N, C-alpha and C. Protein backbone atom coordinates (compact mmCIF):
# COMPACT_ATOMS: atom_id res chain seq x y z
N MET A 1 192.52 -3.44 -7.52
CA MET A 1 193.66 -2.95 -6.91
C MET A 1 194.09 -3.80 -8.64
N ALA A 2 193.83 -4.75 -9.34
CA ALA A 2 193.73 -5.47 -10.35
C ALA A 2 194.16 -4.94 -11.38
N PRO A 3 192.91 -3.97 -11.90
CA PRO A 3 193.14 -3.47 -12.98
C PRO A 3 193.86 -1.60 -13.14
N ARG A 4 194.23 -1.35 -12.21
CA ARG A 4 195.20 -0.51 -11.74
C ARG A 4 196.88 -1.35 -11.95
N TYR A 5 196.78 -2.43 -11.36
CA TYR A 5 198.67 -2.90 -11.88
C TYR A 5 198.60 -2.96 -12.99
N ARG A 6 197.00 -3.98 -13.71
CA ARG A 6 197.72 -4.15 -15.42
C ARG A 6 198.14 -2.77 -16.50
N ARG A 7 196.92 -1.71 -15.65
CA ARG A 7 197.52 -0.97 -16.18
C ARG A 7 198.78 -0.31 -16.62
N GLY A 8 199.56 -0.16 -14.66
CA GLY A 8 200.32 0.47 -14.92
C GLY A 8 201.81 -0.53 -15.51
N LEU A 9 201.46 -1.99 -16.10
CA LEU A 9 202.44 -2.80 -16.52
C LEU A 9 202.40 -2.59 -17.83
N THR A 10 200.85 -2.43 -18.32
CA THR A 10 200.57 -2.20 -19.59
C THR A 10 201.96 -0.92 -19.85
N ARG A 11 201.56 0.59 -19.06
CA ARG A 11 202.16 1.59 -19.77
C ARG A 11 203.37 1.35 -19.40
N PHE A 12 204.68 0.54 -18.45
CA PHE A 12 205.51 -0.12 -18.76
C PHE A 12 206.13 -0.80 -19.69
N PHE A 13 204.97 -1.70 -20.26
CA PHE A 13 205.72 -2.56 -21.78
C PHE A 13 205.34 -1.50 -22.87
N ALA A 14 204.13 -0.52 -23.06
CA ALA A 14 203.87 0.46 -23.60
C ALA A 14 205.47 0.86 -24.25
N GLN A 15 206.17 1.52 -22.93
CA GLN A 15 207.84 2.35 -23.19
C GLN A 15 208.92 1.41 -23.79
N ALA A 16 208.87 0.17 -23.51
CA ALA A 16 210.42 -0.61 -22.97
C ALA A 16 210.61 -0.56 -25.13
N ASP A 17 212.12 -0.58 -24.66
CA ASP A 17 212.76 -0.87 -26.35
C ASP A 17 213.14 -2.53 -26.68
N PHE A 18 212.44 -3.08 -25.51
CA PHE A 18 212.82 -4.44 -26.14
C PHE A 18 211.62 -5.13 -27.03
N LEU A 19 210.32 -4.35 -26.87
CA LEU A 19 209.46 -4.90 -27.93
C LEU A 19 209.47 -4.63 -29.16
N ARG A 20 209.49 -6.11 -29.85
CA ARG A 20 209.33 -6.48 -31.48
C ARG A 20 208.14 -7.28 -31.64
N PRO A 21 207.84 -7.52 -32.97
CA PRO A 21 206.68 -7.81 -33.69
C PRO A 21 207.55 -9.69 -33.61
N GLY A 22 206.14 -10.78 -33.26
CA GLY A 22 206.76 -11.83 -33.22
C GLY A 22 207.00 -12.43 -31.93
N LEU A 23 207.49 -11.88 -31.25
CA LEU A 23 207.41 -12.11 -29.64
C LEU A 23 207.60 -13.91 -29.28
N ASN A 24 207.77 -14.10 -28.82
CA ASN A 24 207.26 -15.44 -27.86
C ASN A 24 208.03 -15.62 -26.91
N VAL A 25 206.51 -15.02 -26.08
CA VAL A 25 206.94 -14.97 -24.61
C VAL A 25 206.37 -16.30 -23.62
N LEU A 26 207.38 -16.80 -21.99
CA LEU A 26 206.71 -17.18 -21.81
C LEU A 26 206.59 -16.40 -20.39
N ASP A 27 205.48 -16.66 -19.28
CA ASP A 27 204.92 -16.39 -18.26
C ASP A 27 204.76 -17.22 -17.61
N ALA A 28 205.89 -17.39 -16.63
CA ALA A 28 206.07 -18.82 -15.32
C ALA A 28 205.35 -18.15 -14.57
N GLY A 29 204.86 -18.55 -13.39
CA GLY A 29 203.75 -18.15 -12.39
C GLY A 29 202.75 -17.31 -13.04
N CYS A 30 201.43 -17.00 -14.00
CA CYS A 30 201.29 -16.21 -14.70
C CYS A 30 199.95 -15.69 -13.84
N GLY A 31 199.17 -16.72 -12.69
CA GLY A 31 198.62 -15.87 -11.45
C GLY A 31 197.34 -15.85 -12.64
N THR A 32 196.92 -14.55 -12.40
CA THR A 32 195.52 -14.27 -13.46
C THR A 32 196.16 -13.51 -14.44
N GLY A 33 197.46 -13.83 -14.72
CA GLY A 33 197.73 -13.40 -16.24
C GLY A 33 197.56 -11.94 -16.32
N ALA A 34 197.74 -10.67 -15.45
CA ALA A 34 197.95 -9.35 -15.35
C ALA A 34 199.26 -9.50 -16.33
N ALA A 35 200.15 -9.82 -16.62
CA ALA A 35 201.19 -9.67 -16.83
C ALA A 35 201.61 -9.96 -18.83
N THR A 36 200.53 -10.96 -18.82
CA THR A 36 200.52 -11.38 -19.90
C THR A 36 199.84 -10.35 -21.12
N LEU A 37 198.41 -10.03 -19.84
CA LEU A 37 196.94 -9.42 -20.78
C LEU A 37 197.79 -8.09 -20.91
N ALA A 38 198.66 -7.69 -20.29
CA ALA A 38 199.58 -5.80 -20.04
C ALA A 38 200.34 -6.15 -21.02
N LEU A 39 200.95 -6.92 -21.36
CA LEU A 39 201.52 -7.38 -22.75
C LEU A 39 201.47 -7.26 -23.98
N ARG A 40 200.09 -8.10 -23.80
CA ARG A 40 199.74 -8.27 -25.02
C ARG A 40 199.14 -6.46 -25.91
N THR A 41 198.49 -6.33 -24.38
CA THR A 41 197.47 -4.85 -24.64
C THR A 41 199.14 -3.79 -25.29
N ALA A 42 199.91 -3.65 -24.56
CA ALA A 42 201.30 -2.76 -25.16
C ALA A 42 201.36 -3.35 -26.74
N LEU A 43 202.16 -4.77 -26.86
CA LEU A 43 202.05 -4.68 -28.22
C LEU A 43 201.12 -4.56 -29.57
N GLY A 44 199.91 -4.80 -29.07
CA GLY A 44 198.41 -4.61 -29.67
C GLY A 44 199.11 -2.47 -29.93
N GLU A 45 199.29 -2.01 -28.97
CA GLU A 45 198.54 -0.83 -29.32
C GLU A 45 200.14 0.16 -29.66
N ARG A 46 201.40 -0.32 -29.92
CA ARG A 46 202.56 -0.42 -30.49
C ARG A 46 202.61 -1.15 -32.31
N ASN A 47 201.49 -1.70 -32.58
CA ASN A 47 201.25 -2.49 -34.06
C ASN A 47 202.41 -3.52 -34.30
N LEU A 48 202.86 -4.42 -32.95
CA LEU A 48 203.41 -5.11 -33.19
C LEU A 48 203.64 -6.63 -32.87
N LEU A 49 202.22 -6.77 -33.19
CA LEU A 49 201.46 -8.62 -32.72
C LEU A 49 202.07 -8.95 -34.32
N PRO A 50 201.72 -10.02 -34.41
CA PRO A 50 201.65 -11.15 -33.47
C PRO A 50 202.75 -11.72 -32.90
N ALA A 51 202.52 -12.04 -31.70
CA ALA A 51 202.95 -12.60 -30.57
C ALA A 51 202.73 -14.06 -29.81
N ARG A 52 203.73 -14.90 -29.82
CA ARG A 52 202.89 -16.45 -29.21
C ARG A 52 203.17 -16.39 -27.55
N PHE A 53 202.25 -16.50 -26.87
CA PHE A 53 201.69 -16.40 -26.16
C PHE A 53 201.92 -18.21 -25.06
N ASN A 54 202.69 -18.30 -24.12
CA ASN A 54 202.50 -19.54 -23.46
C ASN A 54 202.73 -18.95 -21.89
N ALA A 55 201.57 -19.46 -21.05
CA ALA A 55 201.83 -19.55 -20.10
C ALA A 55 201.05 -20.26 -18.76
N PHE A 56 202.08 -20.37 -17.43
CA PHE A 56 201.47 -21.39 -17.19
C PHE A 56 201.56 -20.96 -15.31
N ASP A 57 200.88 -21.80 -14.32
CA ASP A 57 200.88 -21.73 -13.21
C ASP A 57 200.86 -22.89 -12.50
N LEU A 58 201.48 -22.99 -11.04
CA LEU A 58 200.92 -24.09 -10.01
C LEU A 58 199.33 -24.44 -9.91
N THR A 59 199.33 -23.53 -9.49
CA THR A 59 197.38 -23.46 -9.17
C THR A 59 196.27 -23.56 -10.44
N PRO A 60 195.54 -24.59 -10.56
CA PRO A 60 194.29 -24.76 -11.38
C PRO A 60 193.47 -23.93 -11.24
N LEU A 61 193.34 -22.57 -9.78
CA LEU A 61 192.10 -21.34 -9.53
C LEU A 61 192.57 -20.35 -10.01
N MET A 62 194.33 -20.47 -10.33
CA MET A 62 194.88 -19.09 -10.98
C MET A 62 194.52 -19.13 -12.93
N ILE A 63 194.85 -20.52 -12.83
CA ILE A 63 194.57 -20.65 -14.82
C ILE A 63 192.65 -20.44 -14.95
N SER A 64 192.31 -20.76 -13.83
CA SER A 64 191.21 -20.88 -13.91
C SER A 64 190.48 -18.76 -14.03
N ARG A 65 191.03 -18.17 -13.60
CA ARG A 65 190.80 -16.79 -13.00
C ARG A 65 191.30 -16.18 -14.55
N PHE A 66 192.83 -17.04 -15.17
CA PHE A 66 192.81 -16.22 -16.22
C PHE A 66 192.80 -16.65 -17.35
N TRP A 67 191.78 -17.69 -17.59
CA TRP A 67 190.85 -18.53 -18.41
C TRP A 67 189.72 -17.67 -18.33
N LYS A 68 188.75 -16.91 -17.29
CA LYS A 68 187.85 -16.06 -16.85
C LYS A 68 188.66 -14.61 -17.41
N ALA A 69 189.58 -14.14 -17.33
CA ALA A 69 189.97 -12.88 -17.93
C ALA A 69 189.99 -12.95 -19.70
N LEU A 70 190.08 -14.28 -19.78
CA LEU A 70 190.36 -14.23 -22.06
C LEU A 70 189.78 -13.74 -22.55
N ASP A 71 188.17 -14.08 -21.43
CA ASP A 71 186.75 -14.45 -22.24
C ASP A 71 186.44 -12.79 -22.35
N LYS A 72 187.66 -11.87 -21.88
CA LYS A 72 187.10 -10.42 -21.54
C LYS A 72 188.56 -9.83 -22.88
N HIS A 73 188.92 -9.84 -22.11
CA HIS A 73 190.87 -9.95 -23.47
C HIS A 73 191.31 -10.85 -23.99
N PRO A 74 190.40 -11.63 -25.00
CA PRO A 74 190.98 -12.56 -25.89
C PRO A 74 192.35 -12.50 -25.98
N ILE A 75 193.03 -13.34 -26.05
CA ILE A 75 194.62 -13.52 -26.81
C ILE A 75 194.41 -14.68 -27.97
N ALA A 76 194.39 -14.42 -29.17
CA ALA A 76 194.60 -15.64 -30.32
C ALA A 76 195.27 -16.80 -29.98
N ASP A 77 196.54 -16.64 -29.94
CA ASP A 77 197.41 -17.41 -29.59
C ASP A 77 198.63 -17.80 -28.46
N ILE A 78 197.89 -18.61 -27.23
CA ILE A 78 198.24 -18.36 -26.24
C ILE A 78 197.72 -19.98 -25.98
N GLU A 79 198.99 -20.61 -24.83
CA GLU A 79 198.50 -22.01 -25.04
C GLU A 79 199.03 -21.71 -22.88
N LEU A 80 198.34 -21.82 -22.30
CA LEU A 80 198.21 -21.77 -20.37
C LEU A 80 197.54 -23.27 -19.79
N VAL A 81 198.42 -23.22 -18.98
CA VAL A 81 198.21 -24.38 -18.59
C VAL A 81 199.20 -25.12 -17.38
N ALA A 82 198.26 -25.75 -16.19
CA ALA A 82 198.27 -25.61 -14.96
C ALA A 82 199.81 -26.37 -14.77
N ALA A 83 200.86 -26.08 -14.32
CA ALA A 83 202.06 -26.83 -14.17
C ALA A 83 203.04 -26.31 -13.10
N ASN A 84 204.08 -27.01 -12.64
CA ASN A 84 204.99 -26.80 -12.03
C ASN A 84 206.05 -26.48 -12.12
N VAL A 85 207.11 -25.47 -11.63
CA VAL A 85 207.95 -25.46 -12.69
C VAL A 85 208.80 -26.37 -12.01
N LEU A 86 209.54 -26.43 -10.83
CA LEU A 86 210.12 -28.05 -10.22
C LEU A 86 210.12 -28.99 -11.29
N GLN A 87 209.15 -29.23 -12.38
CA GLN A 87 208.55 -29.96 -12.54
C GLN A 87 208.63 -30.00 -14.29
N LEU A 88 209.78 -29.53 -15.00
CA LEU A 88 209.75 -28.86 -16.00
C LEU A 88 209.47 -29.89 -17.33
N GLN A 89 209.91 -31.13 -16.90
CA GLN A 89 209.60 -32.62 -18.21
C GLN A 89 207.88 -32.65 -18.21
N ALA A 90 207.40 -31.67 -17.35
CA ALA A 90 205.65 -31.91 -16.89
C ALA A 90 204.62 -30.40 -18.14
N LEU A 91 206.00 -30.14 -18.45
CA LEU A 91 205.14 -28.74 -19.58
C LEU A 91 205.28 -29.29 -20.66
N PRO A 92 204.18 -28.66 -21.37
CA PRO A 92 204.16 -28.99 -23.29
C PRO A 92 205.53 -28.73 -23.38
N ALA A 93 206.03 -29.48 -24.47
CA ALA A 93 207.13 -29.23 -25.34
C ALA A 93 207.38 -28.30 -26.05
N SER A 94 206.31 -27.42 -27.07
CA SER A 94 206.31 -25.95 -27.32
C SER A 94 206.45 -24.94 -26.25
């Protein structure tokens, strides 16, 4: 299911008119990273890189799964942390 989900997201982002080079992306509640990876793929396909990615999720398990996905689909400029959206002061300043 996850690969089809990510492909669908990639198609959505590939057609989006809001994409441009140099985006700063925040994926709050990133889970396994499907949305971030799909957006990164769509940006690359449209030659709209570089972009900076920041992602966080509440559970370390999801962050661990996202790191594993990044082994297969690397993103050069990403900051990935476990954090609670209800405790924004705990997020990195960047």
